[in-house]
Amino acid sequence: MIDTVLHTGSHHPNLVWVLLPSLLSFAAGLGIGATSGRLRNVFDQSQTASND
């Protein structure tokens, strides 16, 4: 049991500063992944319009 507690980092003194950036980057990755198809379509349309 003690080994598990040591390896999870649950007693890290600055656990908030470890978890907050990781959660924010995870949420940003989800947002980018969700909108990537729409962003690709916007850039594809602008490139085909400039090629015509």
C-alpha atoms as a PDB file:
ATOM      1  CA  MET A   1       0.000   0.000   0.000  1.00  0.00           C
ATOM      2  CA  ILE A   2       2.762   2.437   0.854  1.00  0.00           C
ATOM      3  CA  ASP A   3       4.471   1.756  -2.477  1.00  0.00           C
ATOM      4  CA  THR A   4       1.271   2.685  -4.309  1.00  0.00           C
ATOM      5  CA  VAL A   5       0.958   5.984  -2.457  1.00  0.00           C
ATOM      6  CA  LEU A   6       4.562   6.849  -3.216  1.00  0.00           C
ATOM      7  CA  HIS A   7       4.196   6.096  -6.911  1.00  0.00           C
ATOM      8  CA  THR A   8       0.901   7.928  -7.494  1.00  0.00           C
ATOM      9  CA  GLY A   9       2.348  11.232  -6.329  1.00  0.00           C
ATOM     10  CA  SER A  10      -0.704  11.963  -4.189  1.00  0.00           C
ATOM     11  CA  HIS A  11       1.482  13.504  -1.495  1.00  0.00           C
ATOM     12  CA  HIS A  12       3.302  15.853  -3.859  1.00  0.00           C
ATOM     13  CA  PRO A  13       3.488  19.300  -2.211  1.00  0.00           C
ATOM     14  CA  ASN A  14       2.513  21.123  -5.403  1.00  0.00           C
ATOM     15  CA  LEU A  15       0.044  18.596  -6.774  1.00  0.00           C
ATOM     16  CA  VAL A  16      -2.266  21.374  -8.019  1.00  0.00           C
ATOM     17  CA  TRP A  17       0.543  22.786 -10.181  1.00  0.00           C
ATOM     18  CA  VAL A  18       1.135  19.326 -11.616  1.00  0.00           C
ATOM     19  CA  LEU A  19      -2.510  18.477 -12.297  1.00  0.00           C
ATOM     20  CA  LEU A  20      -3.770  21.842 -13.549  1.00  0.00           C
ATOM     21  CA  PRO A  21      -1.505  22.124 -16.639  1.00  0.00           C
ATOM     22  CA  SER A  22      -2.043  18.477 -17.504  1.00  0.00           C
ATOM     23  CA  LEU A  23      -5.833  18.843 -17.356  1.00  0.00           C
ATOM     24  CA  LEU A  24      -5.707  22.065 -19.379  1.00  0.00           C
ATOM     25  CA  SER A  25      -3.534  20.499 -22.059  1.00  0.00           C
ATOM     26  CA  PHE A  26      -5.829  17.459 -22.182  1.00  0.00           C
ATOM     27  CA  ALA A  27      -8.861  19.716 -22.652  1.00  0.00           C
ATOM     28  CA  ALA A  28      -7.036  21.712 -25.334  1.00  0.00           C
ATOM     29  CA  GLY A  29      -6.175  18.500 -27.154  1.00  0.00           C
ATOM     30  CA  LEU A  30      -9.798  17.402 -27.074  1.00  0.00           C
ATOM     31  CA  GLY A  31     -10.879  20.786 -28.426  1.00  0.00           C
ATOM     32  CA  ILE A  32      -8.328  20.732 -31.227  1.00  0.00           C
ATOM     33  CA  GLY A  33      -9.267  17.176 -32.116  1.00  0.00           C
ATOM     34  CA  ALA A  34     -12.962  18.033 -32.177  1.00  0.00           C
ATOM     35  CA  THR A  35     -12.505  21.035 -34.481  1.00  0.00           C
ATOM     36  CA  SER A  36      -9.682  19.742 -36.678  1.00  0.00           C
ATOM     37  CA  GLY A  37     -12.022  18.585 -39.443  1.00  0.00           C
ATOM     38  CA  ARG A  38     -13.719  21.973 -39.634  1.00  0.00           C
ATOM     39  CA  LEU A  39     -10.395  23.804 -39.608  1.00  0.00           C
ATOM     40  CA  ARG A  40      -9.060  21.586 -42.379  1.00  0.00           C
ATOM     41  CA  ASN A  41     -12.140  22.336 -44.498  1.00  0.00           C
ATOM     42  CA  VAL A  42     -11.677  26.086 -44.012  1.00  0.00           C
ATOM     43  CA  PHE A  43      -8.067  25.960 -45.157  1.00  0.00           C
ATOM     44  CA  ASP A  44      -8.824  23.600 -48.055  1.00  0.00           C
ATOM     45  CA  GLN A  45     -11.540  25.935 -49.340  1.00  0.00           C
ATOM     46  CA  SER A  46      -9.254  28.959 -49.140  1.00  0.00           C
ATOM     47  CA  GLN A  47      -6.514  27.136 -51.078  1.00  0.00           C
ATOM     48  CA  THR A  48      -8.867  25.957 -53.830  1.00  0.00           C
ATOM     49  CA  ALA A  49     -10.331  29.458 -54.153  1.00  0.00           C
ATOM     50  CA  SER A  50      -6.864  30.961 -54.579  1.00  0.00           C
ATOM     51  CA  ASN A  51      -5.915  28.311 -57.177  1.00  0.00           C
ATOM     52  CA  ASP A  52      -8.933  29.084 -59.404  1.00  0.00           C
END
